[in-house]
Amino acid sequence: MEAEALHSLAEHVGDAFADAVEMILGCRQRVIVSGIGKSGHVARKIAATLAATGTPALFVHAAEAAHGDVGMVSPGDVLIVFSNSGATVEVQPLCIYAKAIGCPLIGVSRNPNSLLMRTADLGLLLPKVEEACTSSLAPTTSSTMMLALGDALAVAAMRARGLSGSDIRALHPGGEIGLFLRSVEDVMHSGDRLPLVGLRTPMPDVLVTMTEKRLGVAGVVDDEGQLVGIITDGDLRRRARNVVFGTAADVMTHAPRTIARTARVQEALEMMNTHRITVLFVVDDRQPRIPLGAVQIYDIAVPPAPGAAP
C-alpha cells in the first residue's frame, strides 16, 4: 500500500515540486521545517537531511512556536510545514506569523482547502490514499509520503548546488560516510611505520621488518626507491625454502597493486575486496612507483553490527 502511494505521489506533485526546490535554493538564510505529531517527527528528520546535504536548516516544533519559538523564524528564511490534514491547530500560529513577517511558506498536506494550504505561498499536495494501519487512521502511508517528498526536496537542492563528495564529507566528519569519503593519504601508514626492504635484504631481516611494522607485508624497493615487489604471509608459505637463506628478491611477488594517495578510502576498500588482499601501497600520481605509505584493510573496514550475519 505504501509503495503504491509513493508512485501516486510522484505523479501527483507536478510542477509545484520544482517550484519548491527553486524556493529552497533562493533562500537567503535557513529553511525552517515544522510539524507536530508524526508529521513533526518527519519534519525533524527532513531538517536534518537538508542540513546534511548542504541546505542550512532548522526544525521548529509547532506547539513550541506559539510560545516564543516563532522568534527562530525570520523574513529571510523559508518555512516548510508538514500537516496531513492541514488544519492542525498547533501549526496555525506559526503559519500566520510567517505570513506576517514575509517569510515564504511551503505547505505539505493532502487537503487543498485547509488553512495551511490556503495560507501557503506554495502547496505540495499529497494524494488522498488510505493509511496502512487496519483502521486507516494512524499516520503510516501519509507520513511515508511526507518523508519521501522531503528527502526528494533535499536531494534535488543538493544536486542543483552541485555538491561534491568532498562537500558531503565536510558535512559528515564522523561515521562510515566520513571515513569512506576521506582520501587514502589521510589514513595510510607512512614514514617509520612503512615496511620497506631492499631487493638484497636477507629474509631474516625482512621478517624482522614485517614483525616490527605490523602490517603483515613488506614492500620491496630497488636501488632507486621504486616499489618492485611485495612479500606477504602467503609468499612466506609458498617459498618457505628461501625464507632462511634467501633475499627479498627470492621471495617477493612482482608488480604489487598500488593506489593513488588522492583516491577515496572506499575505492581502496573495494580494490582490496575485489583482489582479496589486505594491504595496498600508496603512491603519487606523478611518481607511481615511489611508495609513500600503505593502507591496511583493518584500518578502513567498518565492523559489522553486533549480531549481524557473517
C-alpha atoms as a PDB file:
ATOM      1  CA  MET A   1       0.000   0.000   0.000  1.00  0.00           C
ATOM      2  CA  GLU A   2       2.763   2.451   0.917  1.00  0.00           C
ATOM      3  CA  ALA A   3       4.725   1.569  -2.222  1.00  0.00           C
ATOM      4  CA  GLU A   4       1.668   2.320  -4.348  1.00  0.00           C
ATOM      5  CA  ALA A   5       1.241   5.611  -2.521  1.00  0.00           C
ATOM      6  CA  LEU A   6       4.785   6.643  -3.422  1.00  0.00           C
ATOM      7  CA  HIS A   7       4.086   6.017  -7.101  1.00  0.00           C
ATOM      8  CA  SER A   8       0.924   8.080  -6.785  1.00  0.00           C
ATOM      9  CA  LEU A   9       2.879  10.855  -5.058  1.00  0.00           C
ATOM     10  CA  ALA A  10       5.386  11.056  -7.902  1.00  0.00           C
ATOM     11  CA  GLU A  11       2.549  11.550 -10.393  1.00  0.00           C
ATOM     12  CA  HIS A  12       0.581  13.913  -8.150  1.00  0.00           C
ATOM     13  CA  VAL A  13       3.035  16.609  -7.059  1.00  0.00           C
ATOM     14  CA  GLY A  14       3.632  18.052 -10.509  1.00  0.00           C
ATOM     15  CA  ASP A  15       5.368  21.357 -11.239  1.00  0.00           C
ATOM     16  CA  ALA A  16       4.971  22.530  -7.656  1.00  0.00           C
ATOM     17  CA  PHE A  17       7.899  20.300  -6.690  1.00  0.00           C
ATOM     18  CA  ALA A  18      10.307  22.151  -8.988  1.00  0.00           C
ATOM     19  CA  ASP A  19       8.953  25.460  -7.685  1.00  0.00           C
ATOM     20  CA  ALA A  20       9.604  24.330  -4.104  1.00  0.00           C
ATOM     21  CA  VAL A  21      13.188  23.408  -4.962  1.00  0.00           C
ATOM     22  CA  GLU A  22      13.710  26.840  -6.528  1.00  0.00           C
ATOM     23  CA  MET A  23      12.298  28.468  -3.400  1.00  0.00           C
ATOM     24  CA  ILE A  24      14.719  26.471  -1.233  1.00  0.00           C
ATOM     25  CA  LEU A  25      17.662  27.371  -3.476  1.00  0.00           C
ATOM     26  CA  GLY A  26      16.691  31.040  -3.300  1.00  0.00           C
ATOM     27  CA  CYS A  27      16.525  31.048   0.499  1.00  0.00           C
ATOM     28  CA  ARG A  28      18.830  33.752   1.884  1.00  0.00           C
ATOM     29  CA  GLN A  29      19.131  32.252   5.347  1.00  0.00           C
ATOM     30  CA  ARG A  30      17.740  28.948   6.643  1.00  0.00           C
ATOM     31  CA  VAL A  31      14.973  26.557   5.757  1.00  0.00           C
ATOM     32  CA  ILE A  32      12.731  26.179   8.810  1.00  0.00           C
ATOM     33  CA  VAL A  33      10.843  22.877   8.912  1.00  0.00           C
ATOM     34  CA  SER A  34       7.916  22.294  11.252  1.00  0.00           C
ATOM     35  CA  GLY A  35       5.069  19.971  12.112  1.00  0.00           C
ATOM     36  CA  ILE A  36       3.540  18.144  15.053  1.00  0.00           C
ATOM     37  CA  GLY A  37       2.832  14.520  15.881  1.00  0.00           C
ATOM     38  CA  LYS A  38       4.085  12.076  13.253  1.00  0.00           C
ATOM     39  CA  SER A  39       4.398  14.976  10.829  1.00  0.00           C
ATOM     40  CA  GLY A  40       6.652  16.645  13.381  1.00  0.00           C
ATOM     41  CA  HIS A  41       8.928  13.607  13.500  1.00  0.00           C
ATOM     42  CA  VAL A  42       9.127  13.696   9.711  1.00  0.00           C
ATOM     43  CA  ALA A  43       9.834  17.438   9.766  1.00  0.00           C
ATOM     44  CA  ARG A  44      12.676  16.986  12.245  1.00  0.00           C
ATOM     45  CA  LYS A  45      14.240  14.328  10.014  1.00  0.00           C
ATOM     46  CA  ILE A  46      13.870  16.442   6.871  1.00  0.00           C
ATOM     47  CA  ALA A  47      15.523  19.413   8.574  1.00  0.00           C
ATOM     48  CA  ALA A  48      18.455  17.149   9.431  1.00  0.00           C
ATOM     49  CA  THR A  49      18.622  15.812   5.861  1.00  0.00           C
ATOM     50  CA  LEU A  50      18.565  19.305   4.384  1.00  0.00           C
ATOM     51  CA  ALA A  51      21.401  20.383   6.662  1.00  0.00           C
ATOM     52  CA  ALA A  52      23.381  17.239   5.853  1.00  0.00           C
ATOM     53  CA  THR A  53      23.085  17.861   2.110  1.00  0.00           C
ATOM     54  CA  GLY A  54      24.132  21.493   2.007  1.00  0.00           C
ATOM     55  CA  THR A  55      20.966  23.443   2.857  1.00  0.00           C
ATOM     56  CA  PRO A  56      21.135  25.238   6.227  1.00  0.00           C
ATOM     57  CA  ALA A  57      18.004  24.093   8.039  1.00  0.00           C
ATOM     58  CA  LEU A  58      16.379  24.083  11.464  1.00  0.00           C
ATOM     59  CA  PHE A  59      13.457  22.198  12.995  1.00  0.00           C
ATOM     60  CA  VAL A  60      10.911  24.191  14.994  1.00  0.00           C
ATOM     61  CA  HIS A  61       8.294  22.303  16.998  1.00  0.00           C
ATOM     62  CA  ALA A  62       4.888  23.660  16.005  1.00  0.00           C
ATOM     63  CA  ALA A  63       3.493  23.653  19.546  1.00  0.00           C
ATOM     64  CA  GLU A  64       6.542  25.434  20.974  1.00  0.00           C
ATOM     65  CA  ALA A  65       6.389  28.010  18.183  1.00  0.00           C
ATOM     66  CA  ALA A  66       3.246  29.514  19.707  1.00  0.00           C
ATOM     67  CA  HIS A  67       5.112  30.024  22.981  1.00  0.00           C
ATOM     68  CA  GLY A  68       8.080  32.010  21.750  1.00  0.00           C
ATOM     69  CA  ASP A  69       9.883  29.772  19.279  1.00  0.00           C
ATOM     70  CA  VAL A  70       8.434  31.719  16.343  1.00  0.00           C
ATOM     71  CA  GLY A  71      11.347  34.019  17.119  1.00  0.00           C
ATOM     72  CA  MET A  72      13.536  31.481  15.315  1.00  0.00           C
ATOM     73  CA  VAL A  73      11.809  32.380  12.041  1.00  0.00           C
ATOM     74  CA  SER A  74      12.945  35.451  10.105  1.00  0.00           C
ATOM     75  CA  PRO A  75      11.922  37.097   6.802  1.00  0.00           C
ATOM     76  CA  GLY A  76      14.989  35.684   5.044  1.00  0.00           C
ATOM     77  CA  ASP A  77      14.029  32.101   5.847  1.00  0.00           C
ATOM     78  CA  VAL A  78      11.784  29.669   4.007  1.00  0.00           C
ATOM     79  CA  LEU A  79       9.253  27.795   6.147  1.00  0.00           C
ATOM     80  CA  ILE A  80       8.084  24.277   5.272  1.00  0.00           C
ATOM     81  CA  VAL A  81       5.157  22.960   7.317  1.00  0.00           C
ATOM     82  CA  PHE A  82       4.068  19.315   7.221  1.00  0.00           C
ATOM     83  CA  SER A  83       0.478  18.557   8.229  1.00  0.00           C
ATOM     84  CA  ASN A  84      -1.567  15.726   6.772  1.00  0.00           C
ATOM     85  CA  SER A  85      -4.894  17.423   7.461  1.00  0.00           C
ATOM     86  CA  GLY A  86      -3.540  20.938   7.021  1.00  0.00           C
ATOM     87  CA  ALA A  87      -5.881  22.025   9.802  1.00  0.00           C
ATOM     88  CA  THR A  88      -3.889  21.082  12.895  1.00  0.00           C
ATOM     89  CA  VAL A  89      -4.435  23.846  15.438  1.00  0.00           C
ATOM     90  CA  GLU A  90      -0.814  23.916  16.618  1.00  0.00           C
ATOM     91  CA  VAL A  91       0.624  24.832  13.201  1.00  0.00           C
ATOM     92  CA  GLN A  92      -1.681  27.796  12.618  1.00  0.00           C
ATOM     93  CA  PRO A  93       0.126  30.431  14.753  1.00  0.00           C
ATOM     94  CA  LEU A  94       3.422  29.607  13.051  1.00  0.00           C
ATOM     95  CA  CYS A  95       1.902  29.948   9.586  1.00  0.00           C
ATOM     96  CA  ILE A  96       0.202  33.230  10.471  1.00  0.00           C
ATOM     97  CA  TYR A  97       3.436  34.629  11.911  1.00  0.00           C
ATOM     98  CA  ALA A  98       5.427  33.612   8.832  1.00  0.00           C
ATOM     99  CA  LYS A  99       2.978  35.418   6.578  1.00  0.00           C
ATOM    100  CA  ALA A 100       3.055  38.492   8.809  1.00  0.00           C
ATOM    101  CA  ILE A 101       6.839  38.877   8.560  1.00  0.00           C
ATOM    102  CA  GLY A 102       7.056  37.975   4.871  1.00  0.00           C
ATOM    103  CA  CYS A 103       8.663  34.562   5.289  1.00  0.00           C
ATOM    104  CA  PRO A 104       7.802  32.339   2.280  1.00  0.00           C
ATOM    105  CA  LEU A 105       5.713  29.333   3.321  1.00  0.00           C
ATOM    106  CA  ILE A 106       5.590  25.907   1.682  1.00  0.00           C
ATOM    107  CA  GLY A 107       2.706  23.747   2.875  1.00  0.00           C
ATOM    108  CA  VAL A 108       2.636  19.953   2.609  1.00  0.00           C
ATOM    109  CA  SER A 109      -0.829  18.436   3.086  1.00  0.00           C
ATOM    110  CA  ARG A 110      -3.474  16.214   1.495  1.00  0.00           C
ATOM    111  CA  ASN A 111      -6.215  18.834   1.972  1.00  0.00           C
ATOM    112  CA  PRO A 112      -6.113  21.614  -0.658  1.00  0.00           C
ATOM    113  CA  ASN A 113      -8.786  23.604   1.170  1.00  0.00           C
ATOM    114  CA  SER A 114      -7.089  23.581   4.569  1.00  0.00           C
ATOM    115  CA  LEU A 115      -5.848  26.704   6.328  1.00  0.00           C
ATOM    116  CA  LEU A 116      -2.258  25.594   5.759  1.00  0.00           C
ATOM    117  CA  MET A 117      -2.661  25.244   2.006  1.00  0.00           C
ATOM    118  CA  ARG A 118      -4.691  28.455   1.708  1.00  0.00           C
ATOM    119  CA  THR A 119      -2.057  30.348   3.667  1.00  0.00           C
ATOM    120  CA  ALA A 120       0.957  28.846   1.916  1.00  0.00           C
ATOM    121  CA  ASP A 121       2.772  30.636  -0.879  1.00  0.00           C
ATOM    122  CA  LEU A 122       3.287  27.227  -2.433  1.00  0.00           C
ATOM    123  CA  GLY A 123       1.430  23.999  -1.717  1.00  0.00           C
ATOM    124  CA  LEU A 124       2.715  20.465  -2.205  1.00  0.00           C
ATOM    125  CA  LEU A 125      -0.468  18.425  -2.319  1.00  0.00           C
ATOM    126  CA  LEU A 126      -0.311  14.817  -1.183  1.00  0.00           C
ATOM    127  CA  PRO A 127      -2.624  12.309  -2.879  1.00  0.00           C
ATOM    128  CA  LYS A 128      -5.520  11.082  -0.763  1.00  0.00           C
ATOM    129  CA  VAL A 129      -4.734   7.442  -0.041  1.00  0.00           C
ATOM    130  CA  GLU A 130      -5.632   5.081   2.770  1.00  0.00           C
ATOM    131  CA  GLU A 131      -3.320   4.679   5.728  1.00  0.00           C
ATOM    132  CA  ALA A 132      -1.641   1.294   6.003  1.00  0.00           C
ATOM    133  CA  CYS A 133      -2.961   0.591   9.505  1.00  0.00           C
ATOM    134  CA  THR A 134      -6.082  -1.586   9.899  1.00  0.00           C
ATOM    135  CA  SER A 135      -8.300   1.341  10.884  1.00  0.00           C
ATOM    136  CA  SER A 136      -6.826   3.663   8.216  1.00  0.00           C
ATOM    137  CA  LEU A 137      -6.432   6.310  10.916  1.00  0.00           C
ATOM    138  CA  ALA A 138      -2.883   6.171  12.301  1.00  0.00           C
ATOM    139  CA  PRO A 139      -0.383   8.118  10.156  1.00  0.00           C
ATOM    140  CA  THR A 140       1.516   5.481   8.181  1.00  0.00           C
ATOM    141  CA  THR A 141       1.138   5.902   4.438  1.00  0.00           C
ATOM    142  CA  SER A 142       0.823   9.674   4.778  1.00  0.00           C
ATOM    143  CA  SER A 143       3.994  10.002   6.864  1.00  0.00           C
ATOM    144  CA  THR A 144       5.881   7.790   4.404  1.00  0.00           C
ATOM    145  CA  MET A 145       4.866  10.094   1.554  1.00  0.00           C
ATOM    146  CA  MET A 146       5.946  13.150   3.544  1.00  0.00           C
ATOM    147  CA  LEU A 147       9.301  11.567   4.281  1.00  0.00           C
ATOM    148  CA  ALA A 148       9.889  10.657   0.636  1.00  0.00           C
ATOM    149  CA  LEU A 149       8.835  14.104  -0.531  1.00  0.00           C
ATOM    150  CA  GLY A 150      11.090  15.847   1.977  1.00  0.00           C
ATOM    151  CA  ASP A 151      14.068  13.687   1.048  1.00  0.00           C
ATOM    152  CA  ALA A 152      13.420  14.387  -2.630  1.00  0.00           C
ATOM    153  CA  LEU A 153      13.437  18.142  -1.982  1.00  0.00           C
ATOM    154  CA  ALA A 154      16.728  17.891  -0.093  1.00  0.00           C
ATOM    155  CA  VAL A 155      18.419  15.752  -2.742  1.00  0.00           C
ATOM    156  CA  ALA A 156      17.152  17.899  -5.614  1.00  0.00           C
ATOM    157  CA  ALA A 157      18.540  21.004  -3.905  1.00  0.00           C
ATOM    158  CA  MET A 158      21.838  19.216  -3.269  1.00  0.00           C
ATOM    159  CA  ARG A 159      22.158  18.240  -6.928  1.00  0.00           C
ATOM    160  CA  ALA A 160      21.261  21.727  -8.088  1.00  0.00           C
ATOM    161  CA  ARG A 161      24.050  23.108  -5.912  1.00  0.00           C
ATOM    162  CA  GLY A 162      26.492  20.597  -7.369  1.00  0.00           C
ATOM    163  CA  LEU A 163      27.740  19.306  -4.040  1.00  0.00           C
ATOM    164  CA  SER A 164      30.776  17.048  -4.433  1.00  0.00           C
ATOM    165  CA  GLY A 165      31.920  14.110  -2.367  1.00  0.00           C
ATOM    166  CA  SER A 166      34.315  16.445  -0.557  1.00  0.00           C
ATOM    167  CA  ASP A 167      31.420  18.732   0.343  1.00  0.00           C
ATOM    168  CA  ILE A 168      29.419  15.820   1.739  1.00  0.00           C
ATOM    169  CA  ARG A 169      32.453  14.603   3.669  1.00  0.00           C
ATOM    170  CA  ALA A 170      32.824  18.026   5.267  1.00  0.00           C
ATOM    171  CA  LEU A 171      29.229  17.735   6.479  1.00  0.00           C
ATOM    172  CA  HIS A 172      29.735  14.153   7.740  1.00  0.00           C
ATOM    173  CA  PRO A 173      33.114  14.113   9.507  1.00  0.00           C
ATOM    174  CA  GLY A 174      32.138  11.105  11.601  1.00  0.00           C
ATOM    175  CA  GLY A 175      30.830   7.625  10.884  1.00  0.00           C
ATOM    176  CA  GLU A 176      31.067   5.464   7.796  1.00  0.00           C
ATOM    177  CA  ILE A 177      30.365   8.274   5.322  1.00  0.00           C
ATOM    178  CA  GLY A 178      33.133  10.412   6.750  1.00  0.00           C
ATOM    179  CA  LEU A 179      35.589   7.531   6.623  1.00  0.00           C
ATOM    180  CA  PHE A 180      34.772   6.352   3.099  1.00  0.00           C
ATOM    181  CA  LEU A 181      34.966   9.858   1.648  1.00  0.00           C
ATOM    182  CA  ARG A 182      38.373  10.554   3.168  1.00  0.00           C
ATOM    183  CA  SER A 183      41.423  10.227   0.961  1.00  0.00           C
ATOM    184  CA  VAL A 184      43.772   7.272   1.310  1.00  0.00           C
ATOM    185  CA  GLU A 185      46.510   9.706   2.279  1.00  0.00           C
ATOM    186  CA  ASP A 186      44.564  10.596   5.425  1.00  0.00           C
ATOM    187  CA  VAL A 187      44.582   7.038   6.791  1.00  0.00           C
ATOM    188  CA  MET A 188      47.774   5.497   5.397  1.00  0.00           C
ATOM    189  CA  HIS A 189      50.775   4.286   7.392  1.00  0.00           C
ATOM    190  CA  SER A 190      53.851   6.270   6.402  1.00  0.00           C
ATOM    191  CA  GLY A 191      57.333   7.282   7.493  1.00  0.00           C
ATOM    192  CA  ASP A 192      58.859   4.979  10.079  1.00  0.00           C
ATOM    193  CA  ARG A 193      55.713   2.831  10.059  1.00  0.00           C
ATOM    194  CA  LEU A 194      56.171   1.862   6.407  1.00  0.00           C
ATOM    195  CA  PRO A 195      57.571  -1.695   5.978  1.00  0.00           C
ATOM    196  CA  LEU A 196      60.114  -1.331   3.168  1.00  0.00           C
ATOM    197  CA  VAL A 197      63.141  -3.513   2.396  1.00  0.00           C
ATOM    198  CA  GLY A 198      65.677  -3.679  -0.418  1.00  0.00           C
ATOM    199  CA  LEU A 199      65.972  -6.352  -3.080  1.00  0.00           C
ATOM    200  CA  ARG A 200      69.072  -7.799  -1.451  1.00  0.00           C
ATOM    201  CA  THR A 201      67.786  -7.670   2.124  1.00  0.00           C
ATOM    202  CA  PRO A 202      68.281 -11.100   3.793  1.00  0.00           C
ATOM    203  CA  MET A 203      64.986 -12.775   4.565  1.00  0.00           C
ATOM    204  CA  PRO A 204      65.612 -12.945   8.341  1.00  0.00           C
ATOM    205  CA  ASP A 205      65.832  -9.134   8.289  1.00  0.00           C
ATOM    206  CA  VAL A 206      62.681  -8.965   6.172  1.00  0.00           C
ATOM    207  CA  LEU A 207      60.851 -10.995   8.808  1.00  0.00           C
ATOM    208  CA  VAL A 208      62.033  -8.580  11.488  1.00  0.00           C
ATOM    209  CA  THR A 209      60.699  -5.631   9.468  1.00  0.00           C
ATOM    210  CA  MET A 210      57.358  -7.332   8.901  1.00  0.00           C
ATOM    211  CA  THR A 211      57.061  -8.101  12.602  1.00  0.00           C
ATOM    212  CA  GLU A 212      58.019  -4.611  13.762  1.00  0.00           C
ATOM    213  CA  LYS A 213      55.810  -2.704  11.308  1.00  0.00           C
ATOM    214  CA  ARG A 214      52.821  -4.979  11.971  1.00  0.00           C
ATOM    215  CA  LEU A 215      51.128  -4.701   8.594  1.00  0.00           C
ATOM    216  CA  GLY A 216      51.680  -8.315   7.603  1.00  0.00           C
ATOM    217  CA  VAL A 217      53.647  -7.365   4.489  1.00  0.00           C
ATOM    218  CA  ALA A 218      56.914  -5.844   3.336  1.00  0.00           C
ATOM    219  CA  GLY A 219      57.311  -3.693   0.248  1.00  0.00           C
ATOM    220  CA  VAL A 220      60.435  -4.361  -1.784  1.00  0.00           C
ATOM    221  CA  VAL A 221      62.192  -1.386  -3.401  1.00  0.00           C
ATOM    222  CA  ASP A 222      65.077  -1.200  -5.840  1.00  0.00           C
ATOM    223  CA  ASP A 223      68.164   0.996  -5.531  1.00  0.00           C
ATOM    224  CA  GLU A 224      66.172   3.988  -6.780  1.00  0.00           C
ATOM    225  CA  GLY A 225      63.475   3.545  -4.145  1.00  0.00           C
ATOM    226  CA  GLN A 226      60.892   2.279  -6.614  1.00  0.00           C
ATOM    227  CA  LEU A 227      58.413  -0.341  -5.478  1.00  0.00           C
ATOM    228  CA  VAL A 228      59.098  -3.539  -7.405  1.00  0.00           C
ATOM    229  CA  GLY A 229      57.579  -6.225  -5.205  1.00  0.00           C
ATOM    230  CA  ILE A 230      55.712  -7.222  -2.079  1.00  0.00           C
ATOM    231  CA  ILE A 231      56.184 -10.001   0.444  1.00  0.00           C
ATOM    232  CA  THR A 232      53.105 -11.307   2.234  1.00  0.00           C
ATOM    233  CA  ASP A 233      52.437 -14.163   4.631  1.00  0.00           C
ATOM    234  CA  GLY A 234      51.340 -16.171   1.609  1.00  0.00           C
ATOM    235  CA  ASP A 235      54.692 -15.608  -0.097  1.00  0.00           C
ATOM    236  CA  LEU A 236      56.482 -16.869   3.011  1.00  0.00           C
ATOM    237  CA  ARG A 237      54.499 -20.094   2.919  1.00  0.00           C
ATOM    238  CA  ARG A 238      54.834 -20.616  -0.826  1.00  0.00           C
ATOM    239  CA  ARG A 239      58.583 -20.021  -0.842  1.00  0.00           C
ATOM    240  CA  ALA A 240      59.494 -21.445   2.544  1.00  0.00           C
ATOM    241  CA  ARG A 241      62.811 -22.806   1.248  1.00  0.00           C
ATOM    242  CA  ASN A 242      64.084 -19.281   0.598  1.00  0.00           C
ATOM    243  CA  VAL A 243      62.971 -17.801   3.911  1.00  0.00           C
ATOM    244  CA  VAL A 244      66.111 -18.758   5.849  1.00  0.00           C
ATOM    245  CA  PHE A 245      68.910 -18.192   3.335  1.00  0.00           C
ATOM    246  CA  GLY A 246      67.268 -16.206   0.526  1.00  0.00           C
ATOM    247  CA  THR A 247      66.791 -12.498  -0.053  1.00  0.00           C
ATOM    248  CA  ALA A 248      63.713 -10.362  -0.542  1.00  0.00           C
ATOM    249  CA  ALA A 249      64.100 -10.726  -4.313  1.00  0.00           C
ATOM    250  CA  ASP A 250      63.831 -14.508  -3.999  1.00  0.00           C
ATOM    251  CA  VAL A 251      60.507 -14.445  -2.157  1.00  0.00           C
ATOM    252  CA  MET A 252      58.645 -11.359  -3.350  1.00  0.00           C
ATOM    253  CA  THR A 253      55.666 -11.162  -5.676  1.00  0.00           C
ATOM    254  CA  HIS A 254      56.387  -8.789  -8.543  1.00  0.00           C
ATOM    255  CA  ALA A 255      54.329  -5.726  -9.531  1.00  0.00           C
ATOM    256  CA  PRO A 256      52.219  -5.270  -6.386  1.00  0.00           C
ATOM    257  CA  ARG A 257      48.922  -3.427  -6.601  1.00  0.00           C
ATOM    258  CA  THR A 258      49.023   0.224  -5.593  1.00  0.00           C
ATOM    259  CA  ILE A 259      46.578   3.077  -5.128  1.00  0.00           C
ATOM    260  CA  ALA A 260      46.941   6.836  -5.572  1.00  0.00           C
ATOM    261  CA  ARG A 261      47.202   8.896  -2.410  1.00  0.00           C
ATOM    262  CA  THR A 262      44.254  11.048  -3.565  1.00  0.00           C
ATOM    263  CA  ALA A 263      41.923   8.063  -4.013  1.00  0.00           C
ATOM    264  CA  ARG A 264      38.974   7.685  -1.652  1.00  0.00           C
ATOM    265  CA  VAL A 265      39.068   5.181   1.171  1.00  0.00           C
ATOM    266  CA  GLN A 266      36.005   3.490  -0.313  1.00  0.00           C
ATOM    267  CA  GLU A 267      37.932   2.863  -3.550  1.00  0.00           C
ATOM    268  CA  ALA A 268      40.786   1.280  -1.588  1.00  0.00           C
ATOM    269  CA  LEU A 269      38.391  -0.995   0.271  1.00  0.00           C
ATOM    270  CA  GLU A 270      36.687  -2.072  -2.950  1.00  0.00           C
ATOM    271  CA  MET A 271      40.044  -2.833  -4.559  1.00  0.00           C
ATOM    272  CA  MET A 272      41.195  -4.928  -1.617  1.00  0.00           C
ATOM    273  CA  ASN A 273      37.925  -6.853  -1.508  1.00  0.00           C
ATOM    274  CA  THR A 274      37.999  -7.462  -5.269  1.00  0.00           C
ATOM    275  CA  HIS A 275      41.566  -8.772  -5.301  1.00  0.00           C
ATOM    276  CA  ARG A 276      41.396 -10.450  -1.878  1.00  0.00           C
ATOM    277  CA  ILE A 277      44.339  -8.581  -0.437  1.00  0.00           C
ATOM    278  CA  THR A 278      44.733  -6.831   2.895  1.00  0.00           C
ATOM    279  CA  VAL A 279      47.302  -4.113   2.134  1.00  0.00           C
ATOM    280  CA  LEU A 280      47.766  -1.578  -0.655  1.00  0.00           C
ATOM    281  CA  PHE A 281      50.854   0.549  -1.074  1.00  0.00           C
ATOM    282  CA  VAL A 282      50.082   4.208  -1.680  1.00  0.00           C
ATOM    283  CA  VAL A 283      51.805   6.155  -4.443  1.00  0.00           C
ATOM    284  CA  ASP A 284      51.717   9.603  -6.016  1.00  0.00           C
ATOM    285  CA  ASP A 285      50.178  10.083  -9.461  1.00  0.00           C
ATOM    286  CA  ARG A 286      53.340  11.843 -10.625  1.00  0.00           C
ATOM    287  CA  GLN A 287      55.660   9.122  -9.285  1.00  0.00           C
ATOM    288  CA  PRO A 288      53.599   5.919  -9.467  1.00  0.00           C
ATOM    289  CA  ARG A 289      56.498   3.666  -8.455  1.00  0.00           C
ATOM    290  CA  ILE A 290      57.581   5.515  -5.300  1.00  0.00           C
ATOM    291  CA  PRO A 291      55.766   4.229  -2.182  1.00  0.00           C
ATOM    292  CA  LEU A 292      54.512   6.993   0.093  1.00  0.00           C
ATOM    293  CA  GLY A 293      52.566   4.818   2.504  1.00  0.00           C
ATOM    294  CA  ALA A 294      50.428   1.742   2.947  1.00  0.00           C
ATOM    295  CA  VAL A 295      46.787   1.256   3.871  1.00  0.00           C
ATOM    296  CA  GLN A 296      45.568  -1.881   5.623  1.00  0.00           C
ATOM    297  CA  ILE A 297      42.052  -3.240   5.289  1.00  0.00           C
ATOM    298  CA  TYR A 298      41.600  -3.423   9.054  1.00  0.00           C
ATOM    299  CA  ASP A 299      42.071   0.343   9.269  1.00  0.00           C
ATOM    300  CA  ILE A 300      39.181   1.107   6.946  1.00  0.00           C
ATOM    301  CA  ALA A 301      36.748  -1.816   7.005  1.00  0.00           C
ATOM    302  CA  VAL A 302      33.641  -0.922   9.006  1.00  0.00           C
ATOM    303  CA  PRO A 303      32.959  -3.712  11.521  1.00  0.00           C
ATOM    304  CA  PRO A 304      29.565  -5.432  11.261  1.00  0.00           C
ATOM    305  CA  ALA A 305      26.862  -4.543  13.738  1.00  0.00           C
ATOM    306  CA  PRO A 306      26.600  -6.805  16.804  1.00  0.00           C
ATOM    307  CA  GLY A 307      24.555  -9.878  15.947  1.00  0.00           C
ATOM    308  CA  ALA A 308      24.842  -9.341  12.183  1.00  0.00           C
ATOM    309  CA  ALA A 309      25.140 -12.409   9.980  1.00  0.00           C
ATOM    310  CA  PRO A 310      28.716 -13.166   8.895  1.00  0.00           C
END
